Amino acid sequence: MRTNYDFTPFRRSTVGFDRLFDLLENGLTTQITDGYPPFDLVRDGEDRYRINMAVAGFRPDEIDVTAQQNMLVVSGRKQDSDEGRYIHRGIAARDFERRFGLADYVQVKNAELADGMLSIELVREIPEAMKPRKIAIGSGGDNARRIEDASDKEGSKQLEAA
């Protein structure tokens, strides 16, 4: 059973949320249902995350980690072709590609491969201009005086220039 939601009324009354609505409408249908390679998403702190991915049998030069705008792509391509030597191959070593949607301001800091586990560190770094800030509220008389002082200085500069 598939349920589609119509986000058109929300699209008409909001600005800049197109990516969010596209994700809600199409995100779940485009996900690959293949569970290979298995991975864990770990929250290491308030703004720190880690992706642990089991990539047994892959060397660092066979794995690509690419950070694009709001997207992390991890892919693996096996270069060895020694199929004739195996009697039974139970360790999956097929090519893969995993995509992870990243929120705004999430950056990839580091990727390490150790003991068959790929660990990717992510950090959300919000720019200072985007962080909430407290605005001081002055009394009406003080603000009026500051505005008048500023306009008086501007007027006197214009008179001096003339």
C-alpha atoms as a PDB file:
ATOM      1  CA  MET A   1       0.000   0.000   0.000  1.00  0.00           C
ATOM      2  CA  ARG A   2       1.444   3.320  -1.060  1.00  0.00           C
ATOM      3  CA  THR A   3       0.243   6.649   0.234  1.00  0.00           C
ATOM      4  CA  ASN A   4       1.031   9.881  -1.572  1.00  0.00           C
ATOM      5  CA  TYR A   5       0.670  13.210   0.163  1.00  0.00           C
ATOM      6  CA  ASP A   6       0.011  16.416  -1.730  1.00  0.00           C
ATOM      7  CA  PHE A   7       2.298  19.188  -0.456  1.00  0.00           C
ATOM      8  CA  THR A   8       1.085  21.763  -3.010  1.00  0.00           C
ATOM      9  CA  PRO A   9      -0.674  24.000  -0.447  1.00  0.00           C
ATOM     10  CA  PHE A  10       2.525  24.133   1.609  1.00  0.00           C
ATOM     11  CA  ARG A  11       4.675  24.819  -1.446  1.00  0.00           C
ATOM     12  CA  ARG A  12       2.539  27.861  -2.315  1.00  0.00           C
ATOM     13  CA  SER A  13       2.860  29.402   1.141  1.00  0.00           C
ATOM     14  CA  THR A  14       6.545  28.766   1.886  1.00  0.00           C
ATOM     15  CA  VAL A  15       9.814  29.907   0.343  1.00  0.00           C
ATOM     16  CA  GLY A  16      13.019  27.888   0.250  1.00  0.00           C
ATOM     17  CA  PHE A  17      11.627  24.544   1.401  1.00  0.00           C
ATOM     18  CA  ASP A  18      11.556  22.893  -2.031  1.00  0.00           C
ATOM     19  CA  ARG A  19      14.313  20.447  -1.144  1.00  0.00           C
ATOM     20  CA  LEU A  20      12.469  19.363   1.997  1.00  0.00           C
ATOM     21  CA  PHE A  21       9.205  18.753   0.134  1.00  0.00           C
ATOM     22  CA  ASP A  22      11.045  16.862  -2.624  1.00  0.00           C
ATOM     23  CA  LEU A  23      12.643  14.676   0.011  1.00  0.00           C
ATOM     24  CA  LEU A  24       9.299  13.976   1.667  1.00  0.00           C
ATOM     25  CA  GLU A  25       7.608  13.178  -1.655  1.00  0.00           C
ATOM     26  CA  ASN A  26      10.352  11.178  -3.330  1.00  0.00           C
ATOM     27  CA  GLY A  27      12.902  10.298  -0.671  1.00  0.00           C
ATOM     28  CA  LEU A  28      11.564   6.993   0.520  1.00  0.00           C
ATOM     29  CA  THR A  29      10.715   5.686  -2.945  1.00  0.00           C
ATOM     30  CA  THR A  30      14.211   6.251  -4.308  1.00  0.00           C
ATOM     31  CA  GLN A  31      16.041   4.504  -1.463  1.00  0.00           C
ATOM     32  CA  ILE A  32      17.776   1.296  -2.457  1.00  0.00           C
ATOM     33  CA  THR A  33      16.434  -1.624  -0.448  1.00  0.00           C
ATOM     34  CA  ASP A  34      19.742  -3.500  -0.649  1.00  0.00           C
ATOM     35  CA  GLY A  35      21.281  -3.820   2.820  1.00  0.00           C
ATOM     36  CA  TYR A  36      24.871  -4.100   1.593  1.00  0.00           C
ATOM     37  CA  PRO A  37      27.131  -2.975   3.115  1.00  0.00           C
ATOM     38  CA  PRO A  38      25.626  -2.772   6.590  1.00  0.00           C
ATOM     39  CA  PHE A  39      26.183   0.474   8.486  1.00  0.00           C
ATOM     40  CA  ASP A  40      25.532   2.224  11.796  1.00  0.00           C
ATOM     41  CA  LEU A  41      24.678   5.874  12.344  1.00  0.00           C
ATOM     42  CA  VAL A  42      26.096   7.104  15.658  1.00  0.00           C
ATOM     43  CA  ARG A  43      25.588  10.419  17.445  1.00  0.00           C
ATOM     44  CA  ASP A  44      28.857  11.320  19.177  1.00  0.00           C
ATOM     45  CA  GLY A  45      27.729  14.658  20.604  1.00  0.00           C
ATOM     46  CA  GLU A  46      25.441  17.636  20.137  1.00  0.00           C
ATOM     47  CA  ASP A  47      26.741  18.385  16.617  1.00  0.00           C
ATOM     48  CA  ARG A  48      28.976  15.358  15.937  1.00  0.00           C
ATOM     49  CA  TYR A  49      27.981  12.193  14.076  1.00  0.00           C
ATOM     50  CA  ARG A  50      29.717   9.101  12.765  1.00  0.00           C
ATOM     51  CA  ILE A  51      28.871   6.549  10.081  1.00  0.00           C
ATOM     52  CA  ASN A  52      30.410   3.104  10.654  1.00  0.00           C
ATOM     53  CA  MET A  53      30.254   0.878   7.594  1.00  0.00           C
ATOM     54  CA  ALA A  54      31.335  -2.783   7.391  1.00  0.00           C
ATOM     55  CA  VAL A  55      33.478  -3.065   4.253  1.00  0.00           C
ATOM     56  CA  ALA A  56      35.431  -6.269   4.880  1.00  0.00           C
ATOM     57  CA  GLY A  57      37.721  -7.188   2.015  1.00  0.00           C
ATOM     58  CA  PHE A  58      38.027  -3.679   0.586  1.00  0.00           C
ATOM     59  CA  ARG A  59      41.287  -1.734   0.567  1.00  0.00           C
ATOM     60  CA  PRO A  60      41.355   2.069   1.031  1.00  0.00           C
ATOM     61  CA  ASP A  61      42.135   2.590  -2.663  1.00  0.00           C
ATOM     62  CA  GLU A  62      38.964   0.647  -3.617  1.00  0.00           C
ATOM     63  CA  ILE A  63      36.637   2.924  -1.620  1.00  0.00           C
ATOM     64  CA  ASP A  64      35.583   6.454  -2.603  1.00  0.00           C
ATOM     65  CA  VAL A  65      33.995   8.862  -0.139  1.00  0.00           C
ATOM     66  CA  THR A  66      32.599  11.927  -1.915  1.00  0.00           C
ATOM     67  CA  ALA A  67      30.891  14.858  -0.209  1.00  0.00           C
ATOM     68  CA  GLN A  68      28.655  16.849  -2.528  1.00  0.00           C
ATOM     69  CA  GLN A  69      26.128  19.535  -1.650  1.00  0.00           C
ATOM     70  CA  ASN A  70      23.904  17.970   1.034  1.00  0.00           C
ATOM     71  CA  MET A  71      24.886  14.465  -0.091  1.00  0.00           C
ATOM     72  CA  LEU A  72      27.527  11.960   0.985  1.00  0.00           C
ATOM     73  CA  VAL A  73      28.272   9.161  -1.465  1.00  0.00           C
ATOM     74  CA  VAL A  74      30.305   6.124  -0.382  1.00  0.00           C
ATOM     75  CA  SER A  75      31.163   3.662  -3.136  1.00  0.00           C
ATOM     76  CA  GLY A  76      33.357   0.607  -3.378  1.00  0.00           C
ATOM     77  CA  ARG A  77      34.740  -1.074  -6.493  1.00  0.00           C
ATOM     78  CA  LYS A  78      36.661  -4.329  -6.168  1.00  0.00           C
ATOM     79  CA  GLN A  79      39.685  -4.527  -8.429  1.00  0.00           C
ATOM     80  CA  ASP A  80      40.727  -8.118  -7.723  1.00  0.00           C
ATOM     81  CA  SER A  81      39.275 -10.765  -9.963  1.00  0.00           C
ATOM     82  CA  ASP A  82      40.479 -14.037  -8.526  1.00  0.00           C
ATOM     83  CA  GLU A  83      37.158 -15.867  -8.671  1.00  0.00           C
ATOM     84  CA  GLY A  84      38.860 -19.106  -9.759  1.00  0.00           C
ATOM     85  CA  ARG A  85      40.691 -19.558  -6.453  1.00  0.00           C
ATOM     86  CA  TYR A  86      37.612 -19.720  -4.234  1.00  0.00           C
ATOM     87  CA  ILE A  87      35.735 -22.909  -3.491  1.00  0.00           C
ATOM     88  CA  HIS A  88      33.185 -20.971  -1.420  1.00  0.00           C
ATOM     89  CA  ARG A  89      32.942 -17.202  -1.108  1.00  0.00           C
ATOM     90  CA  GLY A  90      30.859 -16.225   1.925  1.00  0.00           C
ATOM     91  CA  ILE A  91      32.308 -12.749   2.476  1.00  0.00           C
ATOM     92  CA  ALA A  92      30.489 -10.340   0.204  1.00  0.00           C
ATOM     93  CA  ALA A  93      32.914  -8.282  -1.827  1.00  0.00           C
ATOM     94  CA  ARG A  94      30.649  -6.890  -4.512  1.00  0.00           C
ATOM     95  CA  ASP A  95      30.604  -3.313  -5.729  1.00  0.00           C
ATOM     96  CA  PHE A  96      28.375  -0.948  -3.776  1.00  0.00           C
ATOM     97  CA  GLU A  97      27.179   2.619  -3.551  1.00  0.00           C
ATOM     98  CA  ARG A  98      25.509   4.163  -0.503  1.00  0.00           C
ATOM     99  CA  ARG A  99      24.036   7.668  -0.420  1.00  0.00           C
ATOM    100  CA  PHE A 100      23.394   9.669   2.725  1.00  0.00           C
ATOM    101  CA  GLY A 101      21.463  12.937   2.737  1.00  0.00           C
ATOM    102  CA  LEU A 102      23.207  15.566   4.839  1.00  0.00           C
ATOM    103  CA  ALA A 103      21.516  18.462   6.609  1.00  0.00           C
ATOM    104  CA  ASP A 104      22.623  22.015   5.987  1.00  0.00           C
ATOM    105  CA  TYR A 105      26.038  22.871   7.431  1.00  0.00           C
ATOM    106  CA  VAL A 106      27.025  19.212   8.009  1.00  0.00           C
ATOM    107  CA  GLN A 107      30.580  18.604   6.823  1.00  0.00           C
ATOM    108  CA  VAL A 108      32.675  15.475   6.491  1.00  0.00           C
ATOM    109  CA  LYS A 109      35.732  15.839   8.717  1.00  0.00           C
ATOM    110  CA  ASN A 110      37.518  12.509   8.436  1.00  0.00           C
ATOM    111  CA  ALA A 111      37.273   8.995   6.992  1.00  0.00           C
ATOM    112  CA  GLU A 112      39.277   6.025   8.312  1.00  0.00           C
ATOM    113  CA  LEU A 113      39.432   2.356   7.373  1.00  0.00           C
ATOM    114  CA  ALA A 114      40.547  -0.020  10.106  1.00  0.00           C
ATOM    115  CA  ASP A 115      39.823  -3.723  10.628  1.00  0.00           C
ATOM    116  CA  GLY A 116      37.237  -3.835   7.851  1.00  0.00           C
ATOM    117  CA  MET A 117      35.253  -0.893   9.269  1.00  0.00           C
ATOM    118  CA  LEU A 118      35.002   2.418   7.450  1.00  0.00           C
ATOM    119  CA  SER A 119      34.374   5.239   9.928  1.00  0.00           C
ATOM    120  CA  ILE A 120      33.277   8.640   8.599  1.00  0.00           C
ATOM    121  CA  GLU A 121      33.160  11.593  11.004  1.00  0.00           C
ATOM    122  CA  LEU A 122      30.571  14.309  10.396  1.00  0.00           C
ATOM    123  CA  VAL A 123      30.279  17.666  12.138  1.00  0.00           C
ATOM    124  CA  ARG A 124      27.536  20.283  11.931  1.00  0.00           C
ATOM    125  CA  GLU A 125      29.188  23.723  11.924  1.00  0.00           C
ATOM    126  CA  ILE A 126      26.661  26.523  11.825  1.00  0.00           C
ATOM    127  CA  PRO A 127      28.205  29.845  10.727  1.00  0.00           C
ATOM    128  CA  GLU A 128      28.210  32.614  13.333  1.00  0.00           C
ATOM    129  CA  ALA A 129      25.906  34.738  11.164  1.00  0.00           C
ATOM    130  CA  MET A 130      23.278  31.961  11.266  1.00  0.00           C
ATOM    131  CA  LYS A 131      23.412  31.304  15.015  1.00  0.00           C
ATOM    132  CA  PRO A 132      20.749  32.877  17.223  1.00  0.00           C
ATOM    133  CA  ARG A 133      21.879  36.054  18.947  1.00  0.00           C
ATOM    134  CA  LYS A 134      20.422  38.173  21.693  1.00  0.00           C
ATOM    135  CA  ILE A 135      19.464  41.716  20.738  1.00  0.00           C
ATOM    136  CA  ALA A 136      19.718  44.333  23.475  1.00  0.00           C
ATOM    137  CA  ILE A 137      16.637  46.473  23.949  1.00  0.00           C
ATOM    138  CA  GLY A 138      17.228  50.113  24.803  1.00  0.00           C
ATOM    139  CA  SER A 139      14.783  52.680  26.141  1.00  0.00           C
ATOM    140  CA  GLY A 140      12.948  54.917  23.653  1.00  0.00           C
ATOM    141  CA  GLY A 141      14.823  58.088  24.681  1.00  0.00           C
ATOM    142  CA  ASP A 142      18.272  56.548  24.255  1.00  0.00           C
ATOM    143  CA  ASN A 143      17.526  55.184  20.778  1.00  0.00           C
ATOM    144  CA  ALA A 144      15.997  58.480  19.658  1.00  0.00           C
ATOM    145  CA  ARG A 145      19.068  60.368  20.872  1.00  0.00           C
ATOM    146  CA  ARG A 146      21.421  57.971  19.055  1.00  0.00           C
ATOM    147  CA  ILE A 147      19.480  58.341  15.814  1.00  0.00           C
ATOM    148  CA  GLU A 148      19.490  62.123  16.137  1.00  0.00           C
ATOM    149  CA  ASP A 149      23.223  62.182  16.907  1.00  0.00           C
ATOM    150  CA  ALA A 150      23.946  60.021  13.870  1.00  0.00           C
ATOM    151  CA  SER A 151      21.863  62.228  11.579  1.00  0.00           C
ATOM    152  CA  ASP A 152      23.505  65.383  12.995  1.00  0.00           C
ATOM    153  CA  LYS A 153      26.964  63.948  12.230  1.00  0.00           C
ATOM    154  CA  GLU A 154      25.871  63.004   8.704  1.00  0.00           C
ATOM    155  CA  GLY A 155      24.452  66.503   8.127  1.00  0.00           C
ATOM    156  CA  SER A 156      27.598  68.207   9.363  1.00  0.00           C
ATOM    157  CA  LYS A 157      29.766  65.990   7.105  1.00  0.00           C
ATOM    158  CA  GLN A 158      27.638  66.943   4.113  1.00  0.00           C
ATOM    159  CA  LEU A 159      27.956  70.663   4.979  1.00  0.00           C
ATOM    160  CA  GLU A 160      31.749  70.375   5.316  1.00  0.00           C
ATOM    161  CA  ALA A 161      32.006  68.613   1.946  1.00  0.00           C
ATOM    162  CA  ALA A 162      29.989  71.345   0.213  1.00  0.00           C
END
